[in-house]
């Protein structure tokens, strides 16, 4: 989950080799598609019409929890730092009939601003040497869609069916979105190599006004 800026950190040779070996997994958190013309849609258009009355939920940066750990050989660990400044914002808008709760099914939109990035604490342990630093990480994959349709299930989970974009990480098929009062909790986890490599996201979207109109 590093960026080119983060990769300028100087590592001992063994730790550098470890970091390179993890490049494929770490690429999941690279912001590689932000300037890809194939990703152009209206997710950055805060003023686009909703077509129907909607309730919005805004990402709550202080609720973000991200942890990645690889112990296959040495140790590589990333932990989201909620004490640092969060750059950007994101909202999910859901169709509503009574302006109090979202409908059981209908249209939804994703709207974003800025990079939605902040800093993570990085820890590398290799050959008895521990290195700690901060690196930039991004919450979203960079090529999200701008909306689609949703369905609120009886267990309060919300299923999202996107009309465009690429659904990865927190918006991927294995992610869970659960409505609890005025907060929508999103979570996603991955594990491989007998749980020697694992990562997880969890954060809340809190009821807020996000420029929604009609």
Protein backbone atom coordinates (compact mmCIF):
# COMPACT_ATOMS: atom_id res chain seq x y z
CA UNK A 1 0.00 0.00 0.00
CA UNK A 2 2.87 2.32 -0.75
CA UNK A 3 3.28 5.10 -3.27
CA UNK A 4 6.33 6.11 -5.35
CA UNK A 5 7.07 8.74 -2.70
CA UNK A 6 6.98 6.13 0.00
CA UNK A 7 9.35 3.87 -1.90
CA UNK A 8 12.17 6.39 -1.50
CA UNK A 9 12.70 5.19 2.08
CA UNK A 10 16.17 3.66 2.44
CA UNK A 11 16.12 0.01 3.56
CA UNK A 12 18.91 -2.44 4.41
CA UNK A 13 19.49 -4.79 1.47
CA UNK A 14 17.51 -7.69 2.99
CA UNK A 15 14.55 -5.48 3.84
CA UNK A 16 14.60 -3.97 0.36
CA UNK A 17 14.50 -7.45 -1.16
CA UNK A 18 11.53 -8.28 1.04
CA UNK A 19 9.72 -5.13 -0.05
CA UNK A 20 10.30 -5.95 -3.71
CA UNK A 21 9.01 -9.49 -3.20
CA UNK A 22 5.76 -8.00 -1.86
CA UNK A 23 5.31 -5.58 -4.74
CA UNK A 24 2.40 -7.50 -6.26
CA UNK A 25 0.36 -7.44 -3.07
CA UNK A 26 1.34 -3.88 -2.20
CA UNK A 27 0.20 -2.72 -5.63
CA UNK A 28 -3.37 -3.23 -4.42
CA UNK A 29 -3.03 0.04 -2.54
CA UNK A 30 -1.24 2.05 -5.22
CA UNK A 31 -3.12 4.97 -6.71
CA UNK A 32 -2.29 3.84 -10.25
CA UNK A 33 -5.53 4.60 -12.10
CA UNK A 34 -6.43 8.13 -11.05
CA UNK A 35 -5.34 9.57 -14.41
CA UNK A 36 -6.52 6.63 -16.52
CA UNK A 37 -9.02 7.94 -19.10
CA UNK A 38 -10.86 4.60 -18.93
CA UNK A 39 -11.83 5.51 -15.35
CA UNK A 40 -13.54 8.79 -16.25
CA UNK A 41 -17.04 8.98 -14.78
CA UNK A 42 -19.02 11.36 -12.56
CA UNK A 43 -17.76 10.29 -9.13
CA UNK A 44 -15.94 13.64 -8.74
CA UNK A 45 -19.00 15.66 -9.83
CA UNK A 46 -20.51 16.73 -6.50
CA UNK A 47 -23.29 18.70 -8.18
CA UNK A 48 -24.60 16.03 -10.53
CA UNK A 49 -28.37 15.47 -10.29
CA UNK A 50 -29.60 12.60 -8.17
CA UNK A 51 -32.87 12.12 -10.04
CA UNK A 52 -34.56 11.18 -6.76
CA UNK A 53 -34.49 12.13 -3.09
CA UNK A 54 -31.39 10.69 -1.40
CA UNK A 55 -29.73 10.29 1.98
CA UNK A 56 -25.94 10.58 2.10
CA UNK A 57 -23.28 9.00 4.29
CA UNK A 58 -19.78 10.55 4.40
CA UNK A 59 -16.60 8.67 5.17
CA UNK A 60 -15.43 9.27 8.76
CA UNK A 61 -11.60 9.43 8.59
CA UNK A 62 -11.12 8.87 12.33
CA UNK A 63 -12.94 5.54 12.05
CA UNK A 64 -10.56 4.11 9.42
CA UNK A 65 -8.80 0.93 10.45
CA UNK A 66 -6.34 -0.69 8.05
CA UNK A 67 -3.83 -3.37 8.96
CA UNK A 68 -1.56 -5.42 6.73
CA UNK A 69 0.90 -8.04 7.95
CA UNK A 70 3.28 -10.39 6.11
CA UNK A 71 5.32 -12.83 8.21
CA UNK A 72 6.25 -15.38 5.55
CA UNK A 73 9.93 -14.63 5.90
CA UNK A 74 10.67 -11.50 7.87
CA UNK A 75 7.99 -9.04 8.98
CA UNK A 76 6.31 -6.29 7.00
CA UNK A 77 3.47 -4.41 8.69
CA UNK A 78 1.31 -1.40 7.82
CA UNK A 79 -1.18 0.27 10.17
CA UNK A 80 -3.38 3.25 9.28
CA UNK A 81 -2.55 6.32 11.39
CA UNK A 82 -5.77 8.14 12.30
CA UNK A 83 -3.81 10.93 14.02
CA UNK A 84 -2.63 12.27 10.66
CA UNK A 85 -4.47 14.64 8.33
CA UNK A 86 -6.87 12.98 5.88
CA UNK A 87 -6.85 14.49 2.40
CA UNK A 88 -10.18 14.42 0.60
CA UNK A 89 -13.65 13.10 1.19
CA UNK A 90 -16.16 10.57 -0.10
CA UNK A 91 -19.91 10.05 0.20
CA UNK A 92 -22.42 7.36 -0.67
CA UNK A 93 -25.91 8.62 -1.52
CA UNK A 94 -28.88 6.25 -1.29
CA UNK A 95 -32.42 6.65 -2.57
CA UNK A 96 -34.97 7.48 0.13
CA UNK A 97 -38.72 7.94 0.19
CA UNK A 98 -39.24 9.46 3.64
CA UNK A 99 -35.92 11.32 4.15
CA UNK A 100 -35.41 9.34 7.38
CA UNK A 101 -34.12 5.97 6.21
CA UNK A 102 -32.87 4.56 2.94
CA UNK A 103 -35.30 2.58 0.79
CA UNK A 104 -35.18 -1.21 0.65
CA UNK A 105 -33.90 -0.91 -2.92
CA UNK A 106 -33.11 1.85 -5.38
CA UNK A 107 -30.35 3.96 -6.88
CA UNK A 108 -27.11 4.99 -5.19
CA UNK A 109 -24.24 7.32 -6.08
CA UNK A 110 -20.60 7.60 -5.02
CA UNK A 111 -19.15 11.12 -4.90
CA UNK A 112 -15.53 11.89 -4.07
CA UNK A 113 -13.16 14.83 -3.67
CA UNK A 114 -9.41 14.95 -3.31
CA UNK A 115 -7.10 11.96 -3.05
CA UNK A 116 -8.68 10.27 -0.01
CA UNK A 117 -5.22 9.58 1.33
CA UNK A 118 -3.30 9.82 4.58
CA UNK A 119 -0.35 8.16 6.27
CA UNK A 120 0.28 4.66 7.54
CA UNK A 121 2.83 3.47 10.03
CA UNK A 122 5.27 1.05 8.41
CA UNK A 123 7.33 -1.50 10.32
CA UNK A 124 9.91 -3.81 8.78
CA UNK A 125 11.83 -6.41 10.77
CA UNK A 126 14.66 -8.13 8.89
CA UNK A 127 17.76 -9.91 10.19
CA UNK A 128 17.18 -8.54 13.66
CA UNK A 129 16.88 -4.95 12.46
CA UNK A 130 13.61 -3.03 12.92
CA UNK A 131 12.79 -0.08 10.71
CA UNK A 132 9.79 2.18 11.37
CA UNK A 133 8.55 4.95 9.11
CA UNK A 134 5.43 6.56 7.64
CA UNK A 135 4.22 6.06 4.08
CA UNK A 136 1.32 7.45 2.09
CA UNK A 137 -1.70 5.20 1.55
CA UNK A 138 -4.98 5.52 -0.33
CA UNK A 139 -8.35 4.30 0.89
CA UNK A 140 -9.80 3.67 -2.56
CA UNK A 141 -8.35 1.79 -5.51
CA UNK A 142 -8.57 4.74 -7.90
CA UNK A 143 -11.04 3.56 -10.54
CA UNK A 144 -14.33 3.27 -8.67
CA UNK A 145 -17.65 3.59 -10.42
CA UNK A 146 -19.96 6.52 -9.74
CA UNK A 147 -23.00 4.51 -8.66
CA UNK A 148 -25.63 1.96 -9.59
CA UNK A 149 -28.38 0.22 -7.64
CA UNK A 150 -28.53 -1.09 -4.08
CA UNK A 151 -30.57 -3.54 -2.03
CA UNK A 152 -31.01 -3.40 1.75
CA UNK A 153 -31.16 -6.95 3.08
CA UNK A 154 -33.09 -8.08 6.19
CA UNK A 155 -29.81 -8.40 8.14
CA UNK A 156 -29.08 -4.68 7.51
CA UNK A 157 -26.31 -5.35 5.00
CA UNK A 158 -26.38 -3.30 1.81
CA UNK A 159 -25.62 -4.96 -1.53
CA UNK A 160 -24.22 -2.64 -4.21
CA UNK A 161 -24.56 -3.32 -7.93
CA UNK A 162 -22.30 -0.91 -9.82
CA UNK A 163 -23.07 0.40 -13.29
CA UNK A 164 -19.46 1.23 -14.17
CA UNK A 165 -15.89 1.41 -12.82
CA UNK A 166 -13.74 -1.27 -11.23
CA UNK A 167 -14.84 -2.69 -7.87
CA UNK A 168 -11.85 -3.49 -5.69
CA UNK A 169 -11.02 -3.64 -1.98
CA UNK A 170 -13.77 -1.95 0.05
CA UNK A 171 -16.12 -2.01 -2.94
CA UNK A 172 -15.20 -5.51 -4.11
CA UNK A 173 -17.57 -8.52 -4.08
CA UNK A 174 -16.25 -9.81 -0.74
CA UNK A 175 -16.67 -6.51 1.10
CA UNK A 176 -19.47 -6.12 3.65
CA UNK A 177 -21.54 -2.95 4.15
CA UNK A 178 -23.81 -2.97 7.18
CA UNK A 179 -26.20 -0.21 8.23
CA UNK A 180 -26.33 0.57 11.96
CA UNK A 181 -28.40 3.63 12.83
CA UNK A 182 -26.84 6.67 11.20
CA UNK A 183 -23.64 4.84 10.22
CA UNK A 184 -22.85 2.49 7.35
CA UNK A 185 -19.93 0.25 8.30
CA UNK A 186 -17.77 -1.09 5.47
CA UNK A 187 -15.23 -3.89 5.92
CA UNK A 188 -13.04 -6.10 3.78
CA UNK A 189 -10.38 -8.70 4.56
CA UNK A 190 -7.95 -10.86 2.61
CA UNK A 191 -5.70 -13.73 3.68
CA UNK A 192 -3.26 -16.02 1.92
CA UNK A 193 -0.33 -18.36 2.56
CA UNK A 194 -2.00 -20.03 5.54
CA UNK A 195 -2.77 -16.59 7.01
CA UNK A 196 0.89 -15.56 6.86
CA UNK A 197 -0.19 -12.69 4.63
CA UNK A 198 -3.33 -10.85 5.68
CA UNK A 199 -4.91 -7.46 5.44
CA UNK A 200 -8.14 -5.82 6.52
CA UNK A 201 -10.08 -2.56 6.14
CA UNK A 202 -12.92 -1.23 8.27
CA UNK A 203 -14.43 2.24 8.50
CA UNK A 204 -17.72 4.04 8.92
CA UNK A 205 -19.74 6.32 6.68
CA UNK A 206 -21.77 8.73 8.86
CA UNK A 207 -25.00 10.49 7.89
CA UNK A 208 -24.10 13.85 6.36
CA UNK A 209 -25.07 16.33 3.66
CA UNK A 210 -23.03 15.77 0.50
CA UNK A 211 -24.55 18.18 -1.99
CA UNK A 212 -27.39 15.81 -2.88
CA UNK A 213 -30.26 17.38 -4.76
CA UNK A 214 -33.00 16.38 -7.16
